[in-house]
Each structure stands twice: as structure tokens, then as C-alpha cells.
C-alpha atoms as a PDB file:
ATOM      1  CA  MET A   1     -29.699  -1.032  11.677  1.00  0.00           C
ATOM      2  CA  THR A   2     -29.714   0.553  15.108  1.00  0.00           C
ATOM      3  CA  THR A   3     -28.207   3.875  16.129  1.00  0.00           C
ATOM      4  CA  THR A   4     -25.607   1.973  18.160  1.00  0.00           C
ATOM      5  CA  GLU A   5     -24.584  -0.078  15.115  1.00  0.00           C
ATOM      6  CA  ILE A   6     -24.185   3.101  13.082  1.00  0.00           C
ATOM      7  CA  GLU A   7     -22.166   4.753  15.857  1.00  0.00           C
ATOM      8  CA  ARG A   8     -19.827   1.742  16.105  1.00  0.00           C
ATOM      9  CA  ARG A   9     -19.153   1.779  12.355  1.00  0.00           C
ATOM     10  CA  LEU A  10     -18.505   5.519  12.507  1.00  0.00           C
ATOM     11  CA  GLU A  11     -16.057   4.902  15.361  1.00  0.00           C
ATOM     12  CA  PHE A  12     -14.185   2.436  13.136  1.00  0.00           C
ATOM     13  CA  LEU A  13     -14.064   5.072  10.391  1.00  0.00           C
ATOM     14  CA  ARG A  14     -12.724   7.670  12.868  1.00  0.00           C
ATOM     15  CA  GLU A  15      -9.862   5.354  13.781  1.00  0.00           C
ATOM     16  CA  ALA A  16      -9.197   4.381  10.154  1.00  0.00           C
ATOM     17  CA  SER A  17      -9.142   8.062   9.155  1.00  0.00           C
ATOM     18  CA  LYS A  18      -5.996   8.500  11.231  1.00  0.00           C
ATOM     19  CA  LEU A  19      -4.177   7.140   8.162  1.00  0.00           C
ATOM     20  CA  LYS A  20      -4.547  10.668   6.781  1.00  0.00           C
ATOM     21  CA  ASP A  21      -2.112  11.816   9.481  1.00  0.00           C
ATOM     22  CA  VAL A  22       0.424   8.985   9.122  1.00  0.00           C
ATOM     23  CA  LEU A  23       3.309  10.311   7.047  1.00  0.00           C
ATOM     24  CA  ARG A  24       5.494   8.107   4.889  1.00  0.00           C
ATOM     25  CA  ARG A  25       9.048   8.665   3.660  1.00  0.00           C
ATOM     26  CA  SER A  26       7.735   9.353   0.151  1.00  0.00           C
ATOM     27  CA  PHE A  27       7.123  12.859  -1.097  1.00  0.00           C
ATOM     28  CA  THR A  28       4.446  14.387  -3.308  1.00  0.00           C
ATOM     29  CA  GLN A  29       5.088  16.367  -6.461  1.00  0.00           C
ATOM     30  CA  ASP A  30       5.248  19.580  -4.425  1.00  0.00           C
ATOM     31  CA  GLY A  31       7.682  18.089  -1.901  1.00  0.00           C
ATOM     32  CA  GLN A  32       5.211  17.420   0.922  1.00  0.00           C
ATOM     33  CA  PRO A  33       5.431  14.112   2.815  1.00  0.00           C
ATOM     34  CA  GLU A  34       2.871  11.645   1.495  1.00  0.00           C
ATOM     35  CA  SER A  35       0.359  10.194   3.964  1.00  0.00           C
ATOM     36  CA  THR A  36      -0.516   6.518   4.106  1.00  0.00           C
ATOM     37  CA  ALA A  37      -4.063   7.457   3.064  1.00  0.00           C
ATOM     38  CA  GLU A  38      -2.676   9.195  -0.034  1.00  0.00           C
ATOM     39  CA  HIS A  39      -0.601   6.105  -0.823  1.00  0.00           C
ATOM     40  CA  THR A  40      -3.686   3.905  -0.479  1.00  0.00           C
ATOM     41  CA  TRP A  41      -5.701   6.216  -2.740  1.00  0.00           C
ATOM     42  CA  GLY A  42      -2.879   6.187  -5.300  1.00  0.00           C
ATOM     43  CA  LEU A  43      -2.697   2.397  -5.124  1.00  0.00           C
ATOM     44  CA  CYS A  44      -6.442   2.026  -5.742  1.00  0.00           C
ATOM     45  CA  LEU A  45      -6.361   4.508  -8.623  1.00  0.00           C
ATOM     46  CA  LEU A  46      -3.384   2.669 -10.131  1.00  0.00           C
ATOM     47  CA  VAL A  47      -5.281  -0.641  -9.966  1.00  0.00           C
ATOM     48  CA  MET A  48      -8.365   0.934 -11.550  1.00  0.00           C
ATOM     49  CA  THR A  49      -6.234   2.441 -14.326  1.00  0.00           C
ATOM     50  CA  PHE A  50      -4.965  -1.011 -15.327  1.00  0.00           C
ATOM     51  CA  ALA A  51      -8.150  -2.964 -14.455  1.00  0.00           C
ATOM     52  CA  ASP A  52      -8.903  -3.743 -18.095  1.00  0.00           C
ATOM     53  CA  TYR A  53      -5.697  -5.828 -18.176  1.00  0.00           C
ATOM     54  CA  LEU A  54      -6.371  -7.774 -14.967  1.00  0.00           C
ATOM     55  CA  GLU A  55      -7.716 -10.992 -16.447  1.00  0.00           C
ATOM     56  CA  GLY A  56      -8.924 -13.584 -13.959  1.00  0.00           C
ATOM     57  CA  ILE A  57      -8.800 -11.121 -11.058  1.00  0.00           C
ATOM     58  CA  ASP A  58     -11.787 -10.218  -8.886  1.00  0.00           C
ATOM     59  CA  LEU A  59     -11.466  -6.418  -9.075  1.00  0.00           C
ATOM     60  CA  LEU A  60     -13.694  -5.719  -6.054  1.00  0.00           C
ATOM     61  CA  LYS A  61     -11.673  -8.114  -3.909  1.00  0.00           C
ATOM     62  CA  LEU A  62      -8.417  -6.599  -5.166  1.00  0.00           C
ATOM     63  CA  LEU A  63      -9.590  -3.074  -4.326  1.00  0.00           C
ATOM     64  CA  LYS A  64     -10.760  -4.175  -0.864  1.00  0.00           C
ATOM     65  CA  ILE A  65      -7.332  -5.677  -0.201  1.00  0.00           C
ATOM     66  CA  CYS A  66      -5.663  -2.479  -1.401  1.00  0.00           C
ATOM     67  CA  ILE A  67      -7.840  -0.353   0.883  1.00  0.00           C
ATOM     68  CA  LEU A  68      -7.117  -2.557   3.908  1.00  0.00           C
ATOM     69  CA  HIS A  69      -3.443  -3.429   3.358  1.00  0.00           C
ATOM     70  CA  ASP A  70      -1.957  -0.585   5.463  1.00  0.00           C
ATOM     71  CA  LEU A  71      -4.901   0.087   7.782  1.00  0.00           C
ATOM     72  CA  GLY A  72      -2.977  -1.131  10.836  1.00  0.00           C
ATOM     73  CA  GLU A  73      -0.531   1.747  10.337  1.00  0.00           C
ATOM     74  CA  ALA A  74      -3.168   4.120  11.727  1.00  0.00           C
ATOM     75  CA  ILE A  75      -1.936   3.275  15.236  1.00  0.00           C
ATOM     76  CA  HIS A  76       1.846   2.808  15.087  1.00  0.00           C
ATOM     77  CA  GLY A  77       2.652   4.492  11.793  1.00  0.00           C
ATOM     78  CA  ASP A  78       4.505   3.525   8.649  1.00  0.00           C
ATOM     79  CA  VAL A  79       7.729   1.574   8.445  1.00  0.00           C
ATOM     80  CA  PRO A  80       9.634   2.941   5.430  1.00  0.00           C
ATOM     81  CA  ALA A  81      10.060   0.432   2.600  1.00  0.00           C
ATOM     82  CA  ILE A  82      13.820   0.807   2.820  1.00  0.00           C
ATOM     83  CA  SER A  83      13.683  -0.247   6.513  1.00  0.00           C
ATOM     84  CA  ILE A  84      11.332  -3.219   6.202  1.00  0.00           C
ATOM     85  CA  GLU A  85      14.088  -5.791   6.698  1.00  0.00           C
ATOM     86  CA  ALA A  86      14.993  -4.100   9.987  1.00  0.00           C
ATOM     87  CA  SER A  87      11.406  -4.350  11.211  1.00  0.00           C
ATOM     88  CA  LEU A  88      10.784  -8.067  11.630  1.00  0.00           C
ATOM     89  CA  ASN A  89       7.701  -7.487  13.794  1.00  0.00           C
ATOM     90  CA  LYS A  90       5.988  -5.125  11.321  1.00  0.00           C
ATOM     91  CA  SER A  91       3.397  -7.668  10.201  1.00  0.00           C
ATOM     92  CA  LYS A  92       2.585  -8.836  13.724  1.00  0.00           C
ATOM     93  CA  GLN A  93       2.224  -5.258  15.012  1.00  0.00           C
ATOM     94  CA  GLU A  94       0.070  -4.170  12.060  1.00  0.00           C
ATOM     95  CA  ARG A  95      -2.216  -7.189  12.518  1.00  0.00           C
ATOM     96  CA  GLU A  96      -2.666  -6.417  16.222  1.00  0.00           C
ATOM     97  CA  ASP A  97      -3.334  -2.763  15.388  1.00  0.00           C
ATOM     98  CA  LEU A  98      -5.816  -3.758  12.695  1.00  0.00           C
ATOM     99  CA  LEU A  99      -7.717  -5.867  15.230  1.00  0.00           C
ATOM    100  CA  THR A 100      -7.840  -2.872  17.579  1.00  0.00           C
ATOM    101  CA  ILE A 101      -9.104  -0.545  14.847  1.00  0.00           C
ATOM    102  CA  MET A 102     -11.750  -3.054  13.750  1.00  0.00           C
ATOM    103  CA  ALA A 103     -13.046  -3.751  17.278  1.00  0.00           C
ATOM    104  CA  PRO A 104     -16.192  -1.594  16.874  1.00  0.00           C
ATOM    105  CA  LEU A 105     -17.247  -3.458  13.712  1.00  0.00           C
ATOM    106  CA  PRO A 106     -19.638  -6.421  13.643  1.00  0.00           C
ATOM    107  CA  ASP A 107     -17.936  -9.817  13.812  1.00  0.00           C
ATOM    108  CA  THR A 108     -18.783 -10.583  10.174  1.00  0.00           C
ATOM    109  CA  LEU A 109     -17.015  -7.453   8.896  1.00  0.00           C
ATOM    110  CA  GLN A 110     -14.065  -8.021  11.213  1.00  0.00           C
ATOM    111  CA  ALA A 111     -13.705 -11.564   9.881  1.00  0.00           C
ATOM    112  CA  GLU A 112     -13.951 -10.419   6.249  1.00  0.00           C
ATOM    113  CA  PHE A 113     -11.447  -7.584   6.688  1.00  0.00           C
ATOM    114  CA  LEU A 114      -9.000  -9.769   8.613  1.00  0.00           C
ATOM    115  CA  GLN A 115      -9.260 -12.541   6.013  1.00  0.00           C
ATOM    116  CA  LEU A 116      -8.441 -10.060   3.236  1.00  0.00           C
ATOM    117  CA  TRP A 117      -5.574  -8.544   5.234  1.00  0.00           C
ATOM    118  CA  ASP A 118      -4.143 -12.010   5.991  1.00  0.00           C
ATOM    119  CA  GLU A 119      -4.389 -12.915   2.303  1.00  0.00           C
ATOM    120  CA  TYR A 120      -2.391  -9.790   1.489  1.00  0.00           C
ATOM    121  CA  GLU A 121       0.275 -10.468   4.107  1.00  0.00           C
ATOM    122  CA  ASN A 122       0.665 -14.065   2.932  1.00  0.00           C
ATOM    123  CA  ALA A 123       0.185 -13.290  -0.779  1.00  0.00           C
ATOM    124  CA  SER A 124      -2.141 -16.286  -0.741  1.00  0.00           C
ATOM    125  CA  SER A 125      -4.554 -15.417  -3.556  1.00  0.00           C
ATOM    126  CA  PRO A 126      -4.204 -14.007  -7.071  1.00  0.00           C
ATOM    127  CA  GLU A 127      -5.757 -10.743  -5.835  1.00  0.00           C
ATOM    128  CA  ALA A 128      -3.369 -10.532  -2.877  1.00  0.00           C
ATOM    129  CA  ARG A 129      -0.345 -11.147  -5.105  1.00  0.00           C
ATOM    130  CA  MET A 130      -1.578  -8.473  -7.508  1.00  0.00           C
ATOM    131  CA  ALA A 131      -2.132  -6.075  -4.574  1.00  0.00           C
ATOM    132  CA  LYS A 132       1.440  -6.720  -3.395  1.00  0.00           C
ATOM    133  CA  ALA A 133       2.773  -6.042  -6.890  1.00  0.00           C
ATOM    134  CA  PHE A 134       0.786  -2.836  -7.357  1.00  0.00           C
ATOM    135  CA  ASP A 135       1.709  -1.679  -3.828  1.00  0.00           C
ATOM    136  CA  LYS A 136       5.384  -1.900  -4.768  1.00  0.00           C
ATOM    137  CA  ILE A 137       4.725  -0.258  -8.143  1.00  0.00           C
ATOM    138  CA  GLU A 138       2.857   2.642  -6.524  1.00  0.00           C
ATOM    139  CA  THR A 139       5.739   3.227  -4.111  1.00  0.00           C
ATOM    140  CA  ILE A 140       8.284   3.235  -6.939  1.00  0.00           C
ATOM    141  CA  TRP A 141       6.049   5.513  -9.021  1.00  0.00           C
ATOM    142  CA  GLN A 142       5.795   7.927  -6.086  1.00  0.00           C
ATOM    143  CA  HIS A 143       9.564   7.875  -5.584  1.00  0.00           C
ATOM    144  CA  ASN A 144      10.008   8.705  -9.270  1.00  0.00           C
ATOM    145  CA  ASN A 145       7.435  11.491  -9.318  1.00  0.00           C
ATOM    146  CA  GLY A 146       7.830  13.124  -5.934  1.00  0.00           C
ATOM    147  CA  VAL A 147      10.327  15.783  -4.919  1.00  0.00           C
ATOM    148  CA  ASN A 148      12.822  13.716  -2.924  1.00  0.00           C
ATOM    149  CA  PRO A 149      15.611  14.827  -0.598  1.00  0.00           C
ATOM    150  CA  PRO A 150      19.050  15.178  -2.257  1.00  0.00           C
ATOM    151  CA  ASP A 151      20.348  11.966  -0.631  1.00  0.00           C
ATOM    152  CA  PHE A 152      17.432   9.815  -1.852  1.00  0.00           C
ATOM    153  CA  ASP A 153      18.612   6.351  -2.978  1.00  0.00           C
ATOM    154  CA  HIS A 154      16.988   5.809  -6.384  1.00  0.00           C
ATOM    155  CA  GLY A 155      18.910   2.550  -6.718  1.00  0.00           C
ATOM    156  CA  PHE A 156      16.651   1.098  -4.025  1.00  0.00           C
ATOM    157  CA  ASN A 157      13.739   1.268  -6.484  1.00  0.00           C
ATOM    158  CA  LEU A 158      15.499  -1.064  -8.918  1.00  0.00           C
ATOM    159  CA  THR A 159      15.326  -4.043  -6.553  1.00  0.00           C
ATOM    160  CA  TYR A 160      12.396  -3.125  -4.286  1.00  0.00           C
ATOM    161  CA  GLY A 161       9.557  -5.655  -4.387  1.00  0.00           C
ATOM    162  CA  ARG A 162      10.759  -7.382  -7.521  1.00  0.00           C
ATOM    163  CA  ARG A 163       9.604 -10.810  -6.315  1.00  0.00           C
ATOM    164  CA  TYR A 164       6.047  -9.446  -6.393  1.00  0.00           C
ATOM    165  CA  THR A 165       6.204  -7.291  -9.504  1.00  0.00           C
ATOM    166  CA  ASP A 166       7.769 -10.092 -11.581  1.00  0.00           C
ATOM    167  CA  HIS A 167       4.834 -12.464 -11.041  1.00  0.00           C
ATOM    168  CA  SER A 168       2.684 -11.219 -13.949  1.00  0.00           C
ATOM    169  CA  SER A 169       3.422  -9.928 -17.428  1.00  0.00           C
ATOM    170  CA  LEU A 170       1.402  -6.758 -16.722  1.00  0.00           C
ATOM    171  CA  THR A 171       3.245  -5.777 -13.548  1.00  0.00           C
ATOM    172  CA  ARG A 172       6.577  -6.744 -15.137  1.00  0.00           C
ATOM    173  CA  ALA A 173       5.859  -4.420 -18.072  1.00  0.00           C
ATOM    174  CA  ILE A 174       4.850  -1.545 -15.771  1.00  0.00           C
ATOM    175  CA  ARG A 175       7.954  -2.206 -13.689  1.00  0.00           C
ATOM    176  CA  ASP A 176      10.184  -2.072 -16.783  1.00  0.00           C
ATOM    177  CA  VAL A 177       8.886   1.416 -17.609  1.00  0.00           C
ATOM    178  CA  LEU A 178       9.329   2.565 -13.995  1.00  0.00           C
ATOM    179  CA  ASP A 179      12.849   1.116 -13.855  1.00  0.00           C
ATOM    180  CA  ARG A 180      13.808   3.163 -16.922  1.00  0.00           C
ATOM    181  CA  GLU A 181      12.381   6.263 -15.226  1.00  0.00           C
ATOM    182  CA  THR A 182      14.293   5.399 -12.043  1.00  0.00           C
ATOM    183  CA  ARG A 183      17.581   5.106 -13.932  1.00  0.00           C
ATOM    184  CA  ARG A 184      17.014   8.479 -15.617  1.00  0.00           C
ATOM    185  CA  LYS A 185      16.140  10.062 -12.269  1.00  0.00           C
ATOM    186  CA  SER A 186      19.216   8.506 -10.662  1.00  0.00           C
ATOM    187  CA  GLU A 187      21.491   9.789 -13.429  1.00  0.00           C
ATOM    188  CA  LYS A 188      20.090  13.319 -13.033  1.00  0.00           C
ATOM    189  CA  ALA A 189      20.698  13.161  -9.284  1.00  0.00           C
ATOM    190  CA  PHE A 190      24.413  12.654  -9.888  1.00  0.00           C
ATOM    191  CA  LEU A 191      24.802  15.526 -12.373  1.00  0.00           C
END
């Protein structure tokens, strides 16, 4: 590996690291806005925590998809889950941004990363569908565990991403527990 090859990979990492500065509309347990990088870390940890129940899933591929799924947000930021329907071009913009971020990488890595990202966007493999489900679960978990603004709509959690979380018995079971937590949190918000 040449110095130039190393420098180009480090340039990719510099651009990808901007996810640490992209703030989401979710909040941490001490009330701070969560970054996209924190969400991605939480998603990967969530997957690892339930890995022993992921039969027939390539764990390495699943984790790669989880790491890459929001990478395009490093350029144009996060679109809040509650606003996704209003942002019809989200996927197109994130794909273009991902290509920009990956430009310093060798063609083989670019192709691999793009293939995994496309799989996620299209939910076209068992790993991609599981990544979609756990992505929704992590967001709901964060909404339930963070310190949210007083006007936070907990009811949103009860329908968010259900088409993905209902696809496996594991994610359905996790979702059931989170939905109970959401209802309790929602009831407390109205007291």
C-alpha cells in the first residue's frame, strides 16, 4: 500500500467522521441532541446484543450495512424520521452524497459500500431487512430513553417502521416491549 493510498482512505474517514457533527431530532439520556454517529453506534451495539438470535443472517454483512446506512448524511444532514414522507428525495440525495464521500476510496471498496447501501435502501437481502428493522427499533428505543421536549409525539413511535419491524419474530418481540414502554411514556407525558 502506498502513502497516497493511505492518504486517500484517511480522507474518506475525515469526511465520514462528519457524522459526529450531524445532529438528529432524538435526544440522549441527559437531554443532548444525538448525533448520527451516536445513532449508528447504538444501532450496531443493538445488533450485537441480539446477534445470538439472528439465525441465517451474515452478522458481518449486517454490521457493515448498519455502519454505512446513514453515511450520506455527513454532507446534507439528517431528515427526522417524522418528516421522511415529506422528503421524497432523501434517498437520492443520500446516495449522491455517499458517492461524494467515497470518492477517495479504491473502486473495489466504493463498489462494495455502494452495493451494501443500495441493499439497505431497497431492503433487498435478509441482512438489509434486518438492518432496516433494527434501525427503526434503535430510533424508538432512543425516543423512549432520551429526554425529549415536552411536545414530543410518542404516538409516532407506535406506527414508525412497523413494516420493517414486523418481518421477523425477533424484531416483532423487541418492538412489542418498546411499544409498551412507549405507551407508558406517553401516558406520563399527559399527567
